[in-house]
Amino acid sequence: MSQQINLFNPLFLKTKKVFAAQTMLQSLGLLLLGAGALGYFGSTSVARLEEEAAAGAAVLAREQARQLVVAGSFAPR
């Protein structure tokens, strides 16, 4: 009679660590990269909008000056 001995133990299998230091550093790097990209996009958008606002303010000032000249020319009697 032959007998088989099972030498397999699941404790000795290599398991992948989900929260390993390398994985956490990669995730942190990805988050920082995403935050930096959002910050860059936001700052460029704000700069563009500030330029448009300054151009609009210049047009408004020019039109208000023109309105004063016209109102002075056609004063009510």
PDB file of N, CA and C in Angstrom:
ATOM      1  N   MET A   1       0.826  -1.155   0.000  1.00  0.00           N
ATOM      2  CA  MET A   1       0.000   0.000   0.000  1.00  0.00           C
ATOM      3  C   MET A   1       0.887   1.240   0.000  1.00  0.00           C
ATOM      4  N   SER A   2       0.622   2.138  -0.969  1.00  0.00           N
ATOM      5  CA  SER A   2       1.418   3.348  -1.047  1.00  0.00           C
ATOM      6  C   SER A   2       0.620   4.515  -0.489  1.00  0.00           C
ATOM      7  N   GLN A   3       1.323   5.421   0.069  1.00  0.00           N
ATOM      8  CA  GLN A   3       0.675   6.557   0.694  1.00  0.00           C
ATOM      9  C   GLN A   3       1.305   7.828   0.119  1.00  0.00           C
ATOM     10  N   GLN A   4       0.482   8.804  -0.193  1.00  0.00           N
ATOM     11  CA  GLN A   4       0.982  10.051  -0.735  1.00  0.00           C
ATOM     12  C   GLN A   4       1.006  11.100   0.371  1.00  0.00           C
ATOM     13  N   ILE A   5       2.086  11.873   0.345  1.00  0.00           N
ATOM     14  CA  ILE A   5       2.228  12.926   1.336  1.00  0.00           C
ATOM     15  C   ILE A   5       2.097  14.262   0.593  1.00  0.00           C
ATOM     16  N   ASN A   6       1.193  15.061   1.038  1.00  0.00           N
ATOM     17  CA  ASN A   6       0.980  16.363   0.423  1.00  0.00           C
ATOM     18  C   ASN A   6       1.924  17.372   1.088  1.00  0.00           C
ATOM     19  N   LEU A   7       2.908  17.866   0.278  1.00  0.00           N
ATOM     20  CA  LEU A   7       3.869  18.835   0.799  1.00  0.00           C
ATOM     21  C   LEU A   7       3.492  20.276   0.423  1.00  0.00           C
ATOM     22  N   PHE A   8       2.350  20.421  -0.220  1.00  0.00           N
ATOM     23  CA  PHE A   8       1.912  21.757  -0.645  1.00  0.00           C
ATOM     24  C   PHE A   8       1.264  22.480   0.519  1.00  0.00           C
ATOM     25  N   ASN A   9       1.753  23.680   0.778  1.00  0.00           N
ATOM     26  CA  ASN A   9       1.166  24.514   1.821  1.00  0.00           C
ATOM     27  C   ASN A   9       0.878  25.884   1.211  1.00  0.00           C
ATOM     28  N   PRO A  10      -0.348  26.330   1.196  1.00  0.00           N
ATOM     29  CA  PRO A  10      -0.675  27.613   0.569  1.00  0.00           C
ATOM     30  C   PRO A  10       0.010  28.808   1.224  1.00  0.00           C
ATOM     31  N   LEU A  11       0.499  28.668   2.416  1.00  0.00           N
ATOM     32  CA  LEU A  11       1.183  29.779   3.075  1.00  0.00           C
ATOM     33  C   LEU A  11       2.492  30.133   2.391  1.00  0.00           C
ATOM     34  N   PHE A  12       3.071  29.167   1.668  1.00  0.00           N
ATOM     35  CA  PHE A  12       4.356  29.409   1.026  1.00  0.00           C
ATOM     36  C   PHE A  12       4.220  30.003  -0.369  1.00  0.00           C
ATOM     37  N   LEU A  13       3.015  30.196  -0.850  1.00  0.00           N
ATOM     38  CA  LEU A  13       2.823  30.821  -2.160  1.00  0.00           C
ATOM     39  C   LEU A  13       3.142  32.308  -2.069  1.00  0.00           C
ATOM     40  N   LYS A  14       3.697  32.842  -3.153  1.00  0.00           N
ATOM     41  CA  LYS A  14       3.954  34.284  -3.190  1.00  0.00           C
ATOM     42  C   LYS A  14       2.635  34.994  -3.452  1.00  0.00           C
ATOM     43  N   THR A  15       2.293  35.924  -2.607  1.00  0.00           N
ATOM     44  CA  THR A  15       1.069  36.697  -2.793  1.00  0.00           C
ATOM     45  C   THR A  15       1.439  38.128  -3.150  1.00  0.00           C
ATOM     46  N   LYS A  16       0.616  38.713  -3.991  1.00  0.00           N
ATOM     47  CA  LYS A  16       0.862  40.094  -4.382  1.00  0.00           C
ATOM     48  C   LYS A  16       0.302  41.016  -3.303  1.00  0.00           C
ATOM     49  N   LYS A  17       1.132  41.893  -2.819  1.00  0.00           N
ATOM     50  CA  LYS A  17       0.699  42.846  -1.801  1.00  0.00           C
ATOM     51  C   LYS A  17       0.029  44.024  -2.501  1.00  0.00           C
ATOM     52  N   VAL A  18      -1.198  44.279  -2.152  1.00  0.00           N
ATOM     53  CA  VAL A  18      -1.954  45.346  -2.797  1.00  0.00           C
ATOM     54  C   VAL A  18      -1.475  46.705  -2.309  1.00  0.00           C
ATOM     55  N   PHE A  19      -1.197  46.836  -1.045  1.00  0.00           N
ATOM     56  CA  PHE A  19      -0.783  48.110  -0.475  1.00  0.00           C
ATOM     57  C   PHE A  19       0.719  48.125  -0.211  1.00  0.00           C
ATOM     58  N   ALA A  20       1.490  47.727  -1.187  1.00  0.00           N
ATOM     59  CA  ALA A  20       2.940  47.737  -1.049  1.00  0.00           C
ATOM     60  C   ALA A  20       3.440  49.175  -1.176  1.00  0.00           C
ATOM     61  N   ALA A  21       4.647  49.399  -0.721  1.00  0.00           N
ATOM     62  CA  ALA A  21       5.213  50.753  -0.747  1.00  0.00           C
ATOM     63  C   ALA A  21       5.365  51.256  -2.177  1.00  0.00           C
ATOM     64  N   GLN A  22       5.784  50.390  -3.078  1.00  0.00           N
ATOM     65  CA  GLN A  22       5.976  50.804  -4.467  1.00  0.00           C
ATOM     66  C   GLN A  22       4.636  51.200  -5.097  1.00  0.00           C
ATOM     67  N   THR A  23       3.608  50.442  -4.846  1.00  0.00           N
ATOM     68  CA  THR A  23       2.284  50.760  -5.382  1.00  0.00           C
ATOM     69  C   THR A  23       1.767  52.067  -4.810  1.00  0.00           C
ATOM     70  N   MET A  24       1.986  52.281  -3.537  1.00  0.00           N
ATOM     71  CA  MET A  24       1.533  53.520  -2.916  1.00  0.00           C
ATOM     72  C   MET A  24       2.293  54.727  -3.469  1.00  0.00           C
ATOM     73  N   LEU A  25       3.587  54.582  -3.718  1.00  0.00           N
ATOM     74  CA  LEU A  25       4.370  55.675  -4.297  1.00  0.00           C
ATOM     75  C   LEU A  25       3.927  55.972  -5.723  1.00  0.00           C
ATOM     76  N   GLN A  26       3.618  54.932  -6.484  1.00  0.00           N
ATOM     77  CA  GLN A  26       3.130  55.144  -7.838  1.00  0.00           C
ATOM     78  C   GLN A  26       1.791  55.874  -7.821  1.00  0.00           C
ATOM     79  N   SER A  27       0.923  55.490  -6.911  1.00  0.00           N
ATOM     80  CA  SER A  27      -0.371  56.164  -6.799  1.00  0.00           C
ATOM     81  C   SER A  27      -0.201  57.620  -6.385  1.00  0.00           C
ATOM     82  N   LEU A  28       0.694  57.868  -5.440  1.00  0.00           N
ATOM     83  CA  LEU A  28       0.955  59.242  -5.008  1.00  0.00           C
ATOM     84  C   LEU A  28       1.516  60.069  -6.160  1.00  0.00           C
ATOM     85  N   GLY A  29       2.426  59.494  -6.931  1.00  0.00           N
ATOM     86  CA  GLY A  29       2.978  60.199  -8.086  1.00  0.00           C
ATOM     87  C   GLY A  29       1.915  60.515  -9.115  1.00  0.00           C
ATOM     88  N   LEU A  30       1.023  59.565  -9.351  1.00  0.00           N
ATOM     89  CA  LEU A  30      -0.063  59.795 -10.306  1.00  0.00           C
ATOM     90  C   LEU A  30      -1.000  60.895  -9.809  1.00  0.00           C
ATOM     91  N   LEU A  31      -1.303  60.891  -8.533  1.00  0.00           N
ATOM     92  CA  LEU A  31      -2.159  61.936  -7.974  1.00  0.00           C
ATOM     93  C   LEU A  31      -1.500  63.317  -8.058  1.00  0.00           C
ATOM     94  N   LEU A  32      -0.207  63.379  -7.755  1.00  0.00           N
ATOM     95  CA  LEU A  32       0.502  64.656  -7.844  1.00  0.00           C
ATOM     96  C   LEU A  32       0.573  65.156  -9.282  1.00  0.00           C
ATOM     97  N   LEU A  33       0.788  64.240 -10.209  1.00  0.00           N
ATOM     98  CA  LEU A  33       0.833  64.615 -11.619  1.00  0.00           C
ATOM     99  C   LEU A  33      -0.524  65.151 -12.073  1.00  0.00           C
ATOM    100  N   GLY A  34      -1.590  64.483 -11.655  1.00  0.00           N
ATOM    101  CA  GLY A  34      -2.934  64.953 -12.002  1.00  0.00           C
ATOM    102  C   GLY A  34      -3.248  66.303 -11.389  1.00  0.00           C
ATOM    103  N   ALA A  35      -2.851  66.495 -10.134  1.00  0.00           N
ATOM    104  CA  ALA A  35      -3.089  67.781  -9.474  1.00  0.00           C
ATOM    105  C   ALA A  35      -2.286  68.896 -10.147  1.00  0.00           C
ATOM    106  N   GLY A  36      -1.065  68.584 -10.551  1.00  0.00           N
ATOM    107  CA  GLY A  36      -0.255  69.579 -11.253  1.00  0.00           C
ATOM    108  C   GLY A  36      -0.852  69.941 -12.602  1.00  0.00           C
ATOM    109  N   ALA A  37      -1.356  68.941 -13.316  1.00  0.00           N
ATOM    110  CA  ALA A  37      -1.981  69.202 -14.619  1.00  0.00           C
ATOM    111  C   ALA A  37      -3.230  70.065 -14.449  1.00  0.00           C
ATOM    112  N   LEU A  38      -4.043  69.766 -13.443  1.00  0.00           N
ATOM    113  CA  LEU A  38      -5.228  70.583 -13.190  1.00  0.00           C
ATOM    114  C   LEU A  38      -4.859  72.006 -12.785  1.00  0.00           C
ATOM    115  N   GLY A  39      -3.821  72.153 -11.988  1.00  0.00           N
ATOM    116  CA  GLY A  39      -3.368  73.484 -11.593  1.00  0.00           C
ATOM    117  C   GLY A  39      -2.872  74.293 -12.772  1.00  0.00           C
ATOM    118  N   TYR A  40      -2.121  73.645 -13.659  1.00  0.00           N
ATOM    119  CA  TYR A  40      -1.625  74.331 -14.857  1.00  0.00           C
ATOM    120  C   TYR A  40      -2.786  74.743 -15.752  1.00  0.00           C
ATOM    121  N   PHE A  41      -3.719  73.824 -15.969  1.00  0.00           N
ATOM    122  CA  PHE A  41      -4.881  74.138 -16.804  1.00  0.00           C
ATOM    123  C   PHE A  41      -5.689  75.283 -16.200  1.00  0.00           C
ATOM    124  N   GLY A  42      -5.870  75.260 -14.899  1.00  0.00           N
ATOM    125  CA  GLY A  42      -6.623  76.324 -14.239  1.00  0.00           C
ATOM    126  C   GLY A  42      -5.928  77.673 -14.334  1.00  0.00           C
ATOM    127  N   SER A  43      -4.617  77.687 -14.143  1.00  0.00           N
ATOM    128  CA  SER A  43      -3.899  78.960 -14.198  1.00  0.00           C
ATOM    129  C   SER A  43      -3.883  79.538 -15.610  1.00  0.00           C
ATOM    130  N   THR A  44      -3.762  78.693 -16.631  1.00  0.00           N
ATOM    131  CA  THR A  44      -3.794  79.213 -18.003  1.00  0.00           C
ATOM    132  C   THR A  44      -5.184  79.726 -18.348  1.00  0.00           C
ATOM    133  N   SER A  45      -6.221  79.038 -17.869  1.00  0.00           N
ATOM    134  CA  SER A  45      -7.583  79.497 -18.126  1.00  0.00           C
ATOM    135  C   SER A  45      -7.842  80.833 -17.447  1.00  0.00           C
ATOM    136  N   VAL A  46      -7.388  80.975 -16.219  1.00  0.00           N
ATOM    137  CA  VAL A  46      -7.581  82.231 -15.488  1.00  0.00           C
ATOM    138  C   VAL A  46      -6.821  83.364 -16.165  1.00  0.00           C
ATOM    139  N   ALA A  47      -5.615  83.098 -16.635  1.00  0.00           N
ATOM    140  CA  ALA A  47      -4.833  84.138 -17.311  1.00  0.00           C
ATOM    141  C   ALA A  47      -5.532  84.588 -18.587  1.00  0.00           C
ATOM    142  N   ARG A  48      -6.067  83.619 -19.336  1.00  0.00           N
ATOM    143  CA  ARG A  48      -6.770  83.975 -20.576  1.00  0.00           C
ATOM    144  C   ARG A  48      -8.015  84.803 -20.270  1.00  0.00           C
ATOM    145  N   LEU A  49      -8.751  84.419 -19.234  1.00  0.00           N
ATOM    146  CA  LEU A  49      -9.960  85.164 -18.875  1.00  0.00           C
ATOM    147  C   LEU A  49      -9.633  86.558 -18.350  1.00  0.00           C
ATOM    148  N   GLU A  50      -8.522  86.702 -17.640  1.00  0.00           N
ATOM    149  CA  GLU A  50      -8.116  88.025 -17.170  1.00  0.00           C
ATOM    150  C   GLU A  50      -7.750  88.931 -18.340  1.00  0.00           C
ATOM    151  N   GLU A  51      -7.105  88.358 -19.362  1.00  0.00           N
ATOM    152  CA  GLU A  51      -6.785  89.157 -20.557  1.00  0.00           C
ATOM    153  C   GLU A  51      -8.062  89.609 -21.255  1.00  0.00           C
ATOM    154  N   GLU A  52      -9.044  88.713 -21.362  1.00  0.00           N
ATOM    155  CA  GLU A  52     -10.313  89.082 -21.990  1.00  0.00           C
ATOM    156  C   GLU A  52     -11.040  90.144 -21.168  1.00  0.00           C
ATOM    157  N   ALA A  53     -10.989  90.044 -19.849  1.00  0.00           N
ATOM    158  CA  ALA A  53     -11.637  91.035 -18.989  1.00  0.00           C
ATOM    159  C   ALA A  53     -10.962  92.398 -19.130  1.00  0.00           C
ATOM    160  N   ALA A  54      -9.641  92.407 -19.230  1.00  0.00           N
ATOM    161  CA  ALA A  54      -8.924  93.675 -19.399  1.00  0.00           C
ATOM    162  C   ALA A  54      -9.267  94.307 -20.747  1.00  0.00           C
ATOM    163  N   ALA A  55      -9.375  93.474 -21.780  1.00  0.00           N
ATOM    164  CA  ALA A  55      -9.749  94.004 -23.095  1.00  0.00           C
ATOM    165  C   ALA A  55     -11.173  94.554 -23.055  1.00  0.00           C
ATOM    166  N   GLY A  56     -12.072  93.859 -22.377  1.00  0.00           N
ATOM    167  CA  GLY A  56     -13.446  94.349 -22.250  1.00  0.00           C
ATOM    168  C   GLY A  56     -13.517  95.636 -21.459  1.00  0.00           C
ATOM    169  N   ALA A  57     -12.703  95.764 -20.422  1.00  0.00           N
ATOM    170  CA  ALA A  57     -12.688  97.000 -19.624  1.00  0.00           C
ATOM    171  C   ALA A  57     -12.165  98.166 -20.454  1.00  0.00           C
ATOM    172  N   ALA A  58     -11.191  97.912 -21.322  1.00  0.00           N
ATOM    173  CA  ALA A  58     -10.670  98.977 -22.181  1.00  0.00           C
ATOM    174  C   ALA A  58     -11.730  99.431 -23.176  1.00  0.00           C
ATOM    175  N   VAL A  59     -12.458  98.486 -23.739  1.00  0.00           N
ATOM    176  CA  VAL A  59     -13.537  98.839 -24.678  1.00  0.00           C
ATOM    177  C   VAL A  59     -14.613  99.623 -23.951  1.00  0.00           C
ATOM    178  N   LEU A  60     -14.963  99.211 -22.740  1.00  0.00           N
ATOM    179  CA  LEU A  60     -15.983  99.912 -21.963  1.00  0.00           C
ATOM    180  C   LEU A  60     -15.553 101.343 -21.658  1.00  0.00           C
ATOM    181  N   ALA A  61     -14.304 101.517 -21.248  1.00  0.00           N
ATOM    182  CA  ALA A  61     -13.816 102.867 -20.940  1.00  0.00           C
ATOM    183  C   ALA A  61     -13.845 103.749 -22.187  1.00  0.00           C
ATOM    184  N   ARG A  62     -13.449 103.173 -23.329  1.00  0.00           N
ATOM    185  CA  ARG A  62     -13.460 103.944 -24.575  1.00  0.00           C
ATOM    186  C   ARG A  62     -14.885 104.338 -24.958  1.00  0.00           C
ATOM    187  N   GLU A  63     -15.841 103.436 -24.807  1.00  0.00           N
ATOM    188  CA  GLU A  63     -17.225 103.733 -25.157  1.00  0.00           C
ATOM    189  C   GLU A  63     -17.851 104.734 -24.179  1.00  0.00           C
ATOM    190  N   GLN A  64     -17.490 104.668 -22.899  1.00  0.00           N
ATOM    191  CA  GLN A  64     -18.011 105.644 -21.936  1.00  0.00           C
ATOM    192  C   GLN A  64     -17.463 107.030 -22.232  1.00  0.00           C
ATOM    193  N   ALA A  65     -16.197 107.116 -22.640  1.00  0.00           N
ATOM    194  CA  ALA A  65     -15.632 108.425 -23.007  1.00  0.00           C
ATOM    195  C   ALA A  65     -16.346 108.972 -24.245  1.00  0.00           C
ATOM    196  N   ARG A  66     -16.628 108.090 -25.192  1.00  0.00           N
ATOM    197  CA  ARG A  66     -17.342 108.513 -26.400  1.00  0.00           C
ATOM    198  C   ARG A  66     -18.757 108.974 -26.054  1.00  0.00           C
ATOM    199  N   GLN A  67     -19.397 108.303 -25.105  1.00  0.00           N
ATOM    200  CA  GLN A  67     -20.739 108.670 -24.686  1.00  0.00           C
ATOM    201  C   GLN A  67     -20.741 110.064 -24.047  1.00  0.00           C
ATOM    202  N   LEU A  68     -19.724 110.368 -23.254  1.00  0.00           N
ATOM    203  CA  LEU A  68     -19.640 111.697 -22.644  1.00  0.00           C
ATOM    204  C   LEU A  68     -19.471 112.780 -23.698  1.00  0.00           C
ATOM    205  N   VAL A  69     -18.663 112.492 -24.725  1.00  0.00           N
ATOM    206  CA  VAL A  69     -18.461 113.476 -25.797  1.00  0.00           C
ATOM    207  C   VAL A  69     -19.768 113.709 -26.549  1.00  0.00           C
ATOM    208  N   VAL A  70     -20.469 112.634 -26.857  1.00  0.00           N
ATOM    209  CA  VAL A  70     -21.733 112.759 -27.593  1.00  0.00           C
ATOM    210  C   VAL A  70     -22.782 113.446 -26.732  1.00  0.00           C
ATOM    211  N   ALA A  71     -22.845 113.084 -25.440  1.00  0.00           N
ATOM    212  CA  ALA A  71     -23.824 113.730 -24.556  1.00  0.00           C
ATOM    213  C   ALA A  71     -23.529 115.217 -24.412  1.00  0.00           C
ATOM    214  N   GLY A  72     -22.253 115.600 -24.446  1.00  0.00           N
ATOM    215  CA  GLY A  72     -21.906 117.032 -24.370  1.00  0.00           C
ATOM    216  C   GLY A  72     -22.260 117.761 -25.658  1.00  0.00           C
ATOM    217  N   SER A  73     -22.174 117.077 -26.784  1.00  0.00           N
ATOM    218  CA  SER A  73     -22.475 117.693 -28.063  1.00  0.00           C
ATOM    219  C   SER A  73     -23.970 117.928 -28.226  1.00  0.00           C
ATOM    220  N   PHE A  74     -24.767 117.024 -27.749  1.00  0.00           N
ATOM    221  CA  PHE A  74     -26.214 117.109 -27.896  1.00  0.00           C
ATOM    222  C   PHE A  74     -26.877 117.339 -26.536  1.00  0.00           C
ATOM    223  N   ALA A  75     -26.552 118.436 -25.920  1.00  0.00           N
ATOM    224  CA  ALA A  75     -27.115 118.744 -24.601  1.00  0.00           C
ATOM    225  C   ALA A  75     -28.576 119.086 -24.740  1.00  0.00           C
ATOM    226  N   PRO A  76     -29.394 118.716 -23.779  1.00  0.00           N
ATOM    227  CA  PRO A  76     -30.831 119.064 -23.854  1.00  0.00           C
ATOM    228  C   PRO A  76     -31.020 120.578 -23.641  1.00  0.00           C
ATOM    229  N   ARG A  77     -32.061 121.101 -24.244  1.00  0.00           N
ATOM    230  CA  ARG A  77     -32.301 122.553 -24.177  1.00  0.00           C
ATOM    231  C   ARG A  77     -33.219 122.910 -23.061  1.00  0.00           C
TER     232      ARG A  77
END
